[in-house]
Amino acid sequence: MARVGIIMGSDSDLKVMSKAAEQLDSFGIDYEMTIISAHREADVLMDWLSTAPDRGIRVIIAGAGMAAALPGMCAALFPLPVIGVPLSGKNLEGMDAVLSILQMPPGVPVATVAIDGAKNAAILAAKMLALSDDAVLEKLNAYSREMKEQVQAKAEKLDRIGYKEYLAGK
């Protein structure tokens, strides 16, 4: 079975990156999650990435803040898709990570989601896996139907009680 690798450079990233794991769990997609610093453990990163395909990993979700080297290193060393999750930071609110992940050189692409967008990264990874897995595709279709139903229920409630009561939580 195809798996997703979730990697981050620090345990401080876990609060955001756990959202990817939760979304993959909801789709029934297997994953492994780890912490490896691209700057402090380059040799460990290289080993993890070089063996990832043998472990069934077909997509990597890499979260990084500040200099955001991790997604780019993953893309340079892993032959399959990498999705970068720019993480919000103290100084530039994640814009430094966005720009670092977006500005990869030709030949080393990294798909990029919104700042702290780990949930969307998991959905994108699921869509990539669904290219060759009809069961994942059906779960994505069910997820889309559920989102549509949630929006329709909110619209019906707004129509029924009016915006003032809706905002008041009634």
N, C-alpha and C. Protein backbone atom coordinates (compact mmCIF):
# COMPACT_ATOMS: atom_id res chain seq x y z
N MET A 1 0.84 -1.19 0.00
CA MET A 1 0.00 0.00 0.00
C MET A 1 0.88 1.25 0.00
N ALA A 2 0.49 2.23 -0.77
CA ALA A 2 1.24 3.49 -0.84
C ALA A 2 1.09 4.24 0.49
N ARG A 3 2.17 4.85 0.89
CA ARG A 3 2.21 5.58 2.15
C ARG A 3 2.66 7.01 1.90
N VAL A 4 2.45 7.84 2.90
CA VAL A 4 2.89 9.24 2.87
C VAL A 4 3.93 9.42 3.97
N GLY A 5 4.96 10.15 3.67
CA GLY A 5 5.94 10.51 4.69
C GLY A 5 5.66 11.94 5.15
N ILE A 6 5.59 12.13 6.45
CA ILE A 6 5.43 13.47 7.02
C ILE A 6 6.70 13.77 7.79
N ILE A 7 7.36 14.85 7.42
CA ILE A 7 8.64 15.19 8.04
C ILE A 7 8.65 16.65 8.44
N MET A 8 9.27 16.91 9.56
CA MET A 8 9.41 18.28 10.05
C MET A 8 10.77 18.40 10.72
N GLY A 9 11.23 19.64 10.84
CA GLY A 9 12.57 19.86 11.38
C GLY A 9 12.65 19.99 12.88
N SER A 10 11.51 20.13 13.54
CA SER A 10 11.52 20.36 14.99
C SER A 10 10.20 19.90 15.58
N ASP A 11 10.24 19.52 16.85
CA ASP A 11 8.99 19.13 17.51
C ASP A 11 8.06 20.32 17.69
N SER A 12 8.57 21.53 17.58
CA SER A 12 7.70 22.71 17.65
C SER A 12 6.77 22.79 16.44
N ASP A 13 7.08 22.04 15.38
CA ASP A 13 6.25 22.00 14.17
C ASP A 13 5.11 20.99 14.28
N LEU A 14 5.14 20.16 15.31
CA LEU A 14 4.19 19.06 15.43
C LEU A 14 2.75 19.52 15.54
N LYS A 15 2.51 20.64 16.21
CA LYS A 15 1.13 21.11 16.37
C LYS A 15 0.47 21.34 15.00
N VAL A 16 1.20 21.92 14.07
CA VAL A 16 0.67 22.15 12.72
C VAL A 16 0.69 20.86 11.90
N MET A 17 1.81 20.16 11.91
CA MET A 17 1.97 18.99 11.04
C MET A 17 1.07 17.83 11.45
N SER A 18 0.63 17.80 12.70
CA SER A 18 -0.29 16.74 13.13
C SER A 18 -1.62 16.83 12.39
N LYS A 19 -1.94 18.00 11.86
CA LYS A 19 -3.18 18.15 11.09
C LYS A 19 -3.12 17.33 9.81
N ALA A 20 -1.92 17.18 9.24
CA ALA A 20 -1.77 16.31 8.06
C ALA A 20 -2.03 14.87 8.46
N ALA A 21 -1.48 14.46 9.59
CA ALA A 21 -1.68 13.08 10.04
C ALA A 21 -3.16 12.81 10.32
N GLU A 22 -3.84 13.75 10.96
CA GLU A 22 -5.26 13.58 11.25
C GLU A 22 -6.08 13.43 9.97
N GLN A 23 -5.75 14.24 8.95
CA GLN A 23 -6.48 14.15 7.69
C GLN A 23 -6.19 12.83 6.99
N LEU A 24 -4.95 12.40 6.98
CA LEU A 24 -4.62 11.11 6.37
C LEU A 24 -5.32 9.98 7.11
N ASP A 25 -5.37 10.06 8.44
CA ASP A 25 -6.11 9.06 9.22
C ASP A 25 -7.56 8.99 8.76
N SER A 26 -8.17 10.14 8.53
CA SER A 26 -9.59 10.16 8.14
C SER A 26 -9.81 9.51 6.78
N PHE A 27 -8.79 9.50 5.93
CA PHE A 27 -8.88 8.85 4.63
C PHE A 27 -8.41 7.40 4.68
N GLY A 28 -7.90 6.98 5.82
CA GLY A 28 -7.38 5.62 5.93
C GLY A 28 -6.06 5.43 5.20
N ILE A 29 -5.30 6.50 5.06
CA ILE A 29 -4.01 6.43 4.36
C ILE A 29 -2.90 6.28 5.39
N ASP A 30 -2.06 5.28 5.17
CA ASP A 30 -0.94 5.01 6.06
C ASP A 30 0.16 6.06 5.86
N TYR A 31 0.84 6.37 6.92
CA TYR A 31 1.92 7.35 6.85
C TYR A 31 2.94 7.05 7.94
N GLU A 32 4.10 7.65 7.78
CA GLU A 32 5.05 7.68 8.88
C GLU A 32 5.44 9.14 9.08
N MET A 33 5.65 9.48 10.33
CA MET A 33 5.95 10.86 10.70
C MET A 33 7.26 10.87 11.47
N THR A 34 8.10 11.85 11.14
CA THR A 34 9.38 11.94 11.82
C THR A 34 9.85 13.38 11.94
N ILE A 35 10.85 13.57 12.77
CA ILE A 35 11.52 14.86 12.92
C ILE A 35 12.97 14.67 12.53
N ILE A 36 13.40 15.41 11.52
CA ILE A 36 14.80 15.40 11.08
C ILE A 36 15.16 16.81 10.68
N SER A 37 16.22 17.33 11.21
CA SER A 37 16.68 18.67 10.86
C SER A 37 17.56 18.62 9.62
N ALA A 38 17.16 19.34 8.57
CA ALA A 38 17.97 19.39 7.36
C ALA A 38 19.33 20.03 7.62
N HIS A 39 19.38 20.96 8.55
CA HIS A 39 20.63 21.67 8.84
C HIS A 39 21.53 20.92 9.82
N ARG A 40 20.95 20.21 10.76
CA ARG A 40 21.73 19.58 11.81
C ARG A 40 21.95 18.08 11.62
N GLU A 41 21.16 17.48 10.73
CA GLU A 41 21.23 16.03 10.53
C GLU A 41 21.16 15.67 9.05
N ALA A 42 21.96 16.31 8.24
CA ALA A 42 21.89 16.07 6.80
C ALA A 42 22.09 14.60 6.46
N ASP A 43 22.98 13.92 7.15
CA ASP A 43 23.22 12.51 6.87
C ASP A 43 22.01 11.65 7.22
N VAL A 44 21.32 11.96 8.31
CA VAL A 44 20.12 11.23 8.70
C VAL A 44 19.01 11.48 7.67
N LEU A 45 18.89 12.72 7.24
CA LEU A 45 17.89 13.07 6.23
C LEU A 45 18.14 12.30 4.93
N MET A 46 19.38 12.27 4.51
CA MET A 46 19.71 11.56 3.27
C MET A 46 19.37 10.08 3.38
N ASP A 47 19.65 9.48 4.52
CA ASP A 47 19.34 8.07 4.71
C ASP A 47 17.83 7.84 4.71
N TRP A 48 17.08 8.67 5.44
CA TRP A 48 15.63 8.53 5.51
C TRP A 48 15.01 8.64 4.13
N LEU A 49 15.45 9.64 3.37
CA LEU A 49 14.89 9.85 2.03
C LEU A 49 15.29 8.75 1.05
N SER A 50 16.51 8.27 1.15
CA SER A 50 16.96 7.25 0.19
C SER A 50 16.24 5.92 0.40
N THR A 51 15.77 5.67 1.60
CA THR A 51 15.07 4.41 1.87
C THR A 51 13.55 4.57 1.85
N ALA A 52 13.05 5.79 1.73
CA ALA A 52 11.61 6.04 1.76
C ALA A 52 10.84 5.26 0.69
N PRO A 53 11.27 5.24 -0.57
CA PRO A 53 10.51 4.47 -1.56
C PRO A 53 10.42 2.98 -1.22
N ASP A 54 11.47 2.43 -0.63
CA ASP A 54 11.46 1.03 -0.24
C ASP A 54 10.45 0.77 0.88
N ARG A 55 10.13 1.79 1.65
CA ARG A 55 9.14 1.67 2.73
C ARG A 55 7.73 1.96 2.23
N GLY A 56 7.58 2.17 0.92
CA GLY A 56 6.26 2.41 0.34
C GLY A 56 5.84 3.86 0.29
N ILE A 57 6.71 4.77 0.68
CA ILE A 57 6.36 6.18 0.67
C ILE A 57 6.35 6.67 -0.78
N ARG A 58 5.21 7.27 -1.17
CA ARG A 58 5.04 7.75 -2.54
C ARG A 58 4.91 9.27 -2.62
N VAL A 59 4.65 9.90 -1.50
CA VAL A 59 4.54 11.36 -1.41
C VAL A 59 5.10 11.78 -0.06
N ILE A 60 5.81 12.89 -0.05
CA ILE A 60 6.32 13.44 1.21
C ILE A 60 5.68 14.79 1.45
N ILE A 61 5.24 14.99 2.69
CA ILE A 61 4.79 16.30 3.16
C ILE A 61 5.87 16.80 4.11
N ALA A 62 6.49 17.91 3.75
CA ALA A 62 7.60 18.44 4.54
C ALA A 62 7.26 19.83 5.06
N GLY A 63 7.22 19.96 6.37
CA GLY A 63 6.93 21.25 6.99
C GLY A 63 8.21 21.94 7.41
N ALA A 64 8.28 23.24 7.14
CA ALA A 64 9.49 23.98 7.51
C ALA A 64 9.18 25.46 7.68
N GLY A 65 9.87 26.05 8.61
CA GLY A 65 9.77 27.49 8.82
C GLY A 65 11.11 28.15 8.53
N MET A 66 11.14 29.43 8.70
CA MET A 66 12.34 30.25 8.51
C MET A 66 13.01 29.96 7.17
N ALA A 67 14.22 29.43 7.16
CA ALA A 67 14.94 29.21 5.91
C ALA A 67 14.30 28.14 5.04
N ALA A 68 13.49 27.29 5.64
CA ALA A 68 12.67 26.30 4.93
C ALA A 68 13.48 25.41 3.99
N ALA A 69 14.60 24.90 4.45
CA ALA A 69 15.45 24.06 3.62
C ALA A 69 14.89 22.65 3.46
N LEU A 70 14.13 22.18 4.43
CA LEU A 70 13.71 20.79 4.44
C LEU A 70 12.91 20.36 3.20
N PRO A 71 11.86 21.08 2.78
CA PRO A 71 11.14 20.63 1.58
C PRO A 71 12.03 20.58 0.34
N GLY A 72 12.89 21.54 0.17
CA GLY A 72 13.78 21.55 -0.99
C GLY A 72 14.77 20.40 -0.97
N MET A 73 15.31 20.11 0.20
CA MET A 73 16.22 18.97 0.31
C MET A 73 15.48 17.67 0.02
N CYS A 74 14.25 17.57 0.51
CA CYS A 74 13.46 16.37 0.21
C CYS A 74 13.26 16.23 -1.29
N ALA A 75 12.91 17.33 -1.95
CA ALA A 75 12.68 17.29 -3.40
C ALA A 75 13.95 16.96 -4.16
N ALA A 76 15.09 17.40 -3.66
CA ALA A 76 16.36 17.13 -4.32
C ALA A 76 16.75 15.65 -4.21
N LEU A 77 16.34 15.01 -3.12
CA LEU A 77 16.80 13.65 -2.85
C LEU A 77 15.74 12.56 -3.03
N PHE A 78 14.47 12.94 -3.07
CA PHE A 78 13.38 11.97 -3.18
C PHE A 78 12.80 12.06 -4.59
N PRO A 79 12.67 10.94 -5.30
CA PRO A 79 12.28 11.00 -6.71
C PRO A 79 10.79 11.22 -6.98
N LEU A 80 9.96 11.21 -5.94
CA LEU A 80 8.52 11.33 -6.10
C LEU A 80 8.04 12.68 -5.55
N PRO A 81 6.74 12.98 -5.59
CA PRO A 81 6.26 14.32 -5.21
C PRO A 81 6.55 14.70 -3.75
N VAL A 82 6.86 15.98 -3.59
CA VAL A 82 7.08 16.58 -2.28
C VAL A 82 6.15 17.79 -2.18
N ILE A 83 5.45 17.86 -1.05
CA ILE A 83 4.56 18.99 -0.77
C ILE A 83 5.15 19.74 0.41
N GLY A 84 5.43 21.02 0.21
CA GLY A 84 5.98 21.85 1.27
C GLY A 84 4.90 22.57 2.04
N VAL A 85 5.03 22.56 3.35
CA VAL A 85 4.12 23.30 4.23
C VAL A 85 4.94 24.40 4.89
N PRO A 86 4.78 25.65 4.44
CA PRO A 86 5.49 26.75 5.12
C PRO A 86 4.86 26.96 6.50
N LEU A 87 5.70 27.04 7.50
CA LEU A 87 5.22 27.18 8.87
C LEU A 87 5.39 28.62 9.33
N SER A 88 4.38 29.10 10.03
CA SER A 88 4.45 30.48 10.53
C SER A 88 5.60 30.59 11.51
N GLY A 89 6.23 31.74 11.49
CA GLY A 89 7.38 31.95 12.35
C GLY A 89 7.25 33.21 13.17
N LYS A 90 8.26 33.45 13.95
CA LYS A 90 8.25 34.59 14.87
C LYS A 90 8.48 35.92 14.15
N ASN A 91 9.39 35.95 13.21
CA ASN A 91 9.81 37.23 12.64
C ASN A 91 9.00 37.68 11.43
N LEU A 92 8.80 36.82 10.49
CA LEU A 92 8.16 37.21 9.24
C LEU A 92 6.82 36.51 9.02
N GLU A 93 6.26 35.93 10.05
CA GLU A 93 4.94 35.30 10.02
C GLU A 93 4.80 34.22 8.96
N GLY A 94 5.88 33.57 8.60
CA GLY A 94 5.86 32.49 7.64
C GLY A 94 6.14 32.87 6.20
N MET A 95 6.20 34.17 5.92
CA MET A 95 6.46 34.58 4.54
C MET A 95 7.86 34.18 4.08
N ASP A 96 8.82 34.14 5.00
CA ASP A 96 10.16 33.69 4.64
C ASP A 96 10.13 32.23 4.17
N ALA A 97 9.35 31.41 4.88
CA ALA A 97 9.23 30.00 4.50
C ALA A 97 8.49 29.85 3.17
N VAL A 98 7.43 30.62 2.97
CA VAL A 98 6.70 30.56 1.70
C VAL A 98 7.64 30.84 0.53
N LEU A 99 8.37 31.91 0.63
CA LEU A 99 9.25 32.30 -0.47
C LEU A 99 10.37 31.28 -0.68
N SER A 100 10.91 30.74 0.40
CA SER A 100 11.97 29.74 0.27
C SER A 100 11.46 28.48 -0.43
N ILE A 101 10.26 28.06 -0.06
CA ILE A 101 9.72 26.83 -0.64
C ILE A 101 9.28 27.05 -2.09
N LEU A 102 8.70 28.21 -2.37
CA LEU A 102 8.23 28.50 -3.73
C LEU A 102 9.37 28.67 -4.73
N GLN A 103 10.47 29.21 -4.29
CA GLN A 103 11.55 29.59 -5.21
C GLN A 103 12.58 28.48 -5.41
N MET A 104 12.12 27.29 -5.72
CA MET A 104 13.03 26.18 -5.98
C MET A 104 13.59 26.32 -7.40
N PRO A 105 14.82 25.86 -7.59
CA PRO A 105 15.41 25.97 -8.93
C PRO A 105 14.76 24.99 -9.91
N PRO A 106 14.89 25.26 -11.20
CA PRO A 106 14.34 24.35 -12.20
C PRO A 106 14.83 22.92 -11.99
N GLY A 107 13.91 21.97 -12.10
CA GLY A 107 14.25 20.57 -11.94
C GLY A 107 14.05 20.03 -10.53
N VAL A 108 13.74 20.93 -9.57
CA VAL A 108 13.55 20.50 -8.18
C VAL A 108 12.24 21.10 -7.67
N PRO A 109 11.10 20.64 -8.21
CA PRO A 109 9.82 21.24 -7.82
C PRO A 109 9.36 20.80 -6.44
N VAL A 110 8.70 21.71 -5.75
CA VAL A 110 8.02 21.42 -4.50
C VAL A 110 6.63 22.04 -4.59
N ALA A 111 5.61 21.23 -4.50
CA ALA A 111 4.25 21.76 -4.43
C ALA A 111 4.14 22.48 -3.09
N THR A 112 3.46 23.61 -3.06
CA THR A 112 3.42 24.41 -1.84
C THR A 112 1.98 24.76 -1.50
N VAL A 113 1.65 24.59 -0.23
CA VAL A 113 0.33 24.95 0.27
C VAL A 113 0.45 26.22 1.11
N ALA A 114 -0.64 26.66 1.67
CA ALA A 114 -0.68 27.88 2.47
C ALA A 114 0.15 27.74 3.75
N ILE A 115 0.46 28.87 4.34
CA ILE A 115 1.16 28.87 5.62
C ILE A 115 0.34 28.06 6.62
N ASP A 116 0.99 27.13 7.27
CA ASP A 116 0.38 26.22 8.24
C ASP A 116 -0.71 25.35 7.61
N GLY A 117 -0.64 25.12 6.31
CA GLY A 117 -1.66 24.38 5.57
C GLY A 117 -1.44 22.88 5.52
N ALA A 118 -1.10 22.27 6.64
CA ALA A 118 -0.82 20.84 6.66
C ALA A 118 -2.03 19.99 6.27
N LYS A 119 -3.23 20.42 6.65
CA LYS A 119 -4.43 19.67 6.28
C LYS A 119 -4.57 19.62 4.76
N ASN A 120 -4.40 20.77 4.10
CA ASN A 120 -4.48 20.78 2.64
C ASN A 120 -3.35 19.97 2.01
N ALA A 121 -2.20 19.94 2.63
CA ALA A 121 -1.10 19.13 2.12
C ALA A 121 -1.50 17.66 2.12
N ALA A 122 -2.18 17.22 3.17
CA ALA A 122 -2.63 15.83 3.24
C ALA A 122 -3.69 15.54 2.17
N ILE A 123 -4.57 16.49 1.94
CA ILE A 123 -5.59 16.30 0.90
C ILE A 123 -4.93 16.22 -0.48
N LEU A 124 -3.95 17.09 -0.71
CA LEU A 124 -3.21 17.04 -1.98
C LEU A 124 -2.46 15.72 -2.13
N ALA A 125 -1.84 15.25 -1.06
CA ALA A 125 -1.15 13.96 -1.11
C ALA A 125 -2.14 12.85 -1.44
N ALA A 126 -3.32 12.89 -0.83
CA ALA A 126 -4.35 11.89 -1.11
C ALA A 126 -4.76 11.94 -2.58
N LYS A 127 -4.88 13.13 -3.12
CA LYS A 127 -5.23 13.26 -4.54
C LYS A 127 -4.15 12.66 -5.44
N MET A 128 -2.90 12.83 -5.05
CA MET A 128 -1.81 12.23 -5.81
C MET A 128 -1.89 10.71 -5.75
N LEU A 129 -2.15 10.18 -4.56
CA LEU A 129 -2.26 8.72 -4.42
C LEU A 129 -3.48 8.19 -5.16
N ALA A 130 -4.54 8.99 -5.23
CA ALA A 130 -5.78 8.56 -5.88
C ALA A 130 -5.61 8.37 -7.39
N LEU A 131 -4.54 8.88 -7.95
CA LEU A 131 -4.29 8.65 -9.37
C LEU A 131 -4.18 7.17 -9.69
N SER A 132 -3.74 6.39 -8.71
CA SER A 132 -3.59 4.95 -8.94
C SER A 132 -4.29 4.10 -7.88
N ASP A 133 -5.19 4.72 -7.10
CA ASP A 133 -5.87 3.99 -6.04
C ASP A 133 -7.34 4.43 -5.98
N ASP A 134 -8.21 3.60 -6.53
CA ASP A 134 -9.63 3.95 -6.59
C ASP A 134 -10.27 4.07 -5.21
N ALA A 135 -9.78 3.34 -4.24
CA ALA A 135 -10.34 3.42 -2.88
C ALA A 135 -10.08 4.81 -2.28
N VAL A 136 -8.90 5.34 -2.51
CA VAL A 136 -8.60 6.70 -2.03
C VAL A 136 -9.45 7.71 -2.79
N LEU A 137 -9.63 7.50 -4.08
CA LEU A 137 -10.46 8.40 -4.87
C LEU A 137 -11.88 8.44 -4.32
N GLU A 138 -12.44 7.29 -3.97
CA GLU A 138 -13.79 7.27 -3.42
C GLU A 138 -13.85 8.01 -2.07
N LYS A 139 -12.82 7.87 -1.26
CA LYS A 139 -12.79 8.60 0.02
C LYS A 139 -12.72 10.10 -0.21
N LEU A 140 -11.99 10.52 -1.22
CA LEU A 140 -11.93 11.95 -1.56
C LEU A 140 -13.29 12.44 -2.05
N ASN A 141 -13.97 11.63 -2.86
CA ASN A 141 -15.30 12.01 -3.33
C ASN A 141 -16.27 12.13 -2.16
N ALA A 142 -16.20 11.20 -1.22
CA ALA A 142 -17.07 11.26 -0.04
C ALA A 142 -16.75 12.50 0.79
N TYR A 143 -15.48 12.83 0.91
CA TYR A 143 -15.06 14.02 1.66
C TYR A 143 -15.64 15.29 1.00
N SER A 144 -15.58 15.35 -0.32
CA SER A 144 -16.14 16.50 -1.04
C SER A 144 -17.64 16.60 -0.84
N ARG A 145 -18.34 15.46 -0.89
CA ARG A 145 -19.79 15.48 -0.65
C ARG A 145 -20.10 15.97 0.77
N GLU A 146 -19.31 15.53 1.74
CA GLU A 146 -19.51 15.94 3.13
C GLU A 146 -19.31 17.44 3.30
N MET A 147 -18.28 17.98 2.66
CA MET A 147 -18.05 19.44 2.75
C MET A 147 -19.22 20.19 2.14
N LYS A 148 -19.72 19.72 1.01
CA LYS A 148 -20.86 20.36 0.35
C LYS A 148 -22.09 20.33 1.26
N GLU A 149 -22.35 19.20 1.88
CA GLU A 149 -23.49 19.08 2.78
C GLU A 149 -23.37 20.03 3.98
N GLN A 150 -22.16 20.19 4.49
CA GLN A 150 -21.95 21.10 5.62
C GLN A 150 -22.26 22.55 5.23
N VAL A 151 -21.83 22.95 4.05
CA VAL A 151 -22.10 24.31 3.58
C VAL A 151 -23.60 24.49 3.36
N GLN A 152 -24.24 23.51 2.75
CA GLN A 152 -25.68 23.60 2.52
C GLN A 152 -26.46 23.69 3.82
N ALA A 153 -26.04 22.96 4.84
CA ALA A 153 -26.71 23.00 6.14
C ALA A 153 -26.57 24.38 6.77
N LYS A 154 -25.42 24.98 6.62
CA LYS A 154 -25.20 26.33 7.16
C LYS A 154 -26.05 27.36 6.42
N ALA A 155 -26.15 27.20 5.10
CA ALA A 155 -26.97 28.13 4.32
C ALA A 155 -28.44 28.00 4.70
N GLU A 156 -28.89 26.78 4.89
CA GLU A 156 -30.28 26.56 5.30
C GLU A 156 -30.55 27.17 6.68
N LYS A 157 -29.61 27.02 7.59
CA LYS A 157 -29.77 27.60 8.93
C LYS A 157 -29.83 29.12 8.84
N LEU A 158 -28.96 29.71 8.04
CA LEU A 158 -28.96 31.17 7.86
C LEU A 158 -30.30 31.63 7.30
N ASP A 159 -30.79 30.92 6.28
CA ASP A 159 -32.09 31.26 5.70
C ASP A 159 -33.21 31.15 6.74
N ARG A 160 -33.14 30.15 7.59
CA ARG A 160 -34.19 29.87 8.56
C ARG A 160 -34.22 30.87 9.71
N ILE A 161 -33.04 31.23 10.25
CA ILE A 161 -33.04 32.05 11.47
C ILE A 161 -32.56 33.49 11.26
N GLY A 162 -31.97 33.79 10.10
CA GLY A 162 -31.47 35.14 9.84
C GLY A 162 -30.04 35.34 10.34
N TYR A 163 -29.39 36.34 9.81
CA TYR A 163 -27.97 36.51 10.09
C TYR A 163 -27.68 36.94 11.52
N LYS A 164 -28.53 37.76 12.14
CA LYS A 164 -28.27 38.23 13.50
C LYS A 164 -28.28 37.05 14.48
N GLU A 165 -29.26 36.20 14.37
CA GLU A 165 -29.35 35.04 15.24
C GLU A 165 -28.22 34.05 14.92
N TYR A 166 -27.92 33.93 13.65
CA TYR A 166 -26.83 33.01 13.24
C TYR A 166 -25.53 33.44 13.89
N LEU A 167 -25.23 34.74 13.80
CA LEU A 167 -23.99 35.26 14.41
C LEU A 167 -24.00 35.15 15.92
N ALA A 168 -25.19 35.23 16.50
CA ALA A 168 -25.31 35.14 17.95
C ALA A 168 -25.21 33.68 18.44
N GLY A 169 -25.17 32.75 17.47
CA GLY A 169 -25.03 31.35 17.83
C GLY A 169 -26.31 30.65 18.20
N LYS A 170 -27.41 31.17 17.75
CA LYS A 170 -28.70 30.57 18.08
C LYS A 170 -29.14 29.57 17.03
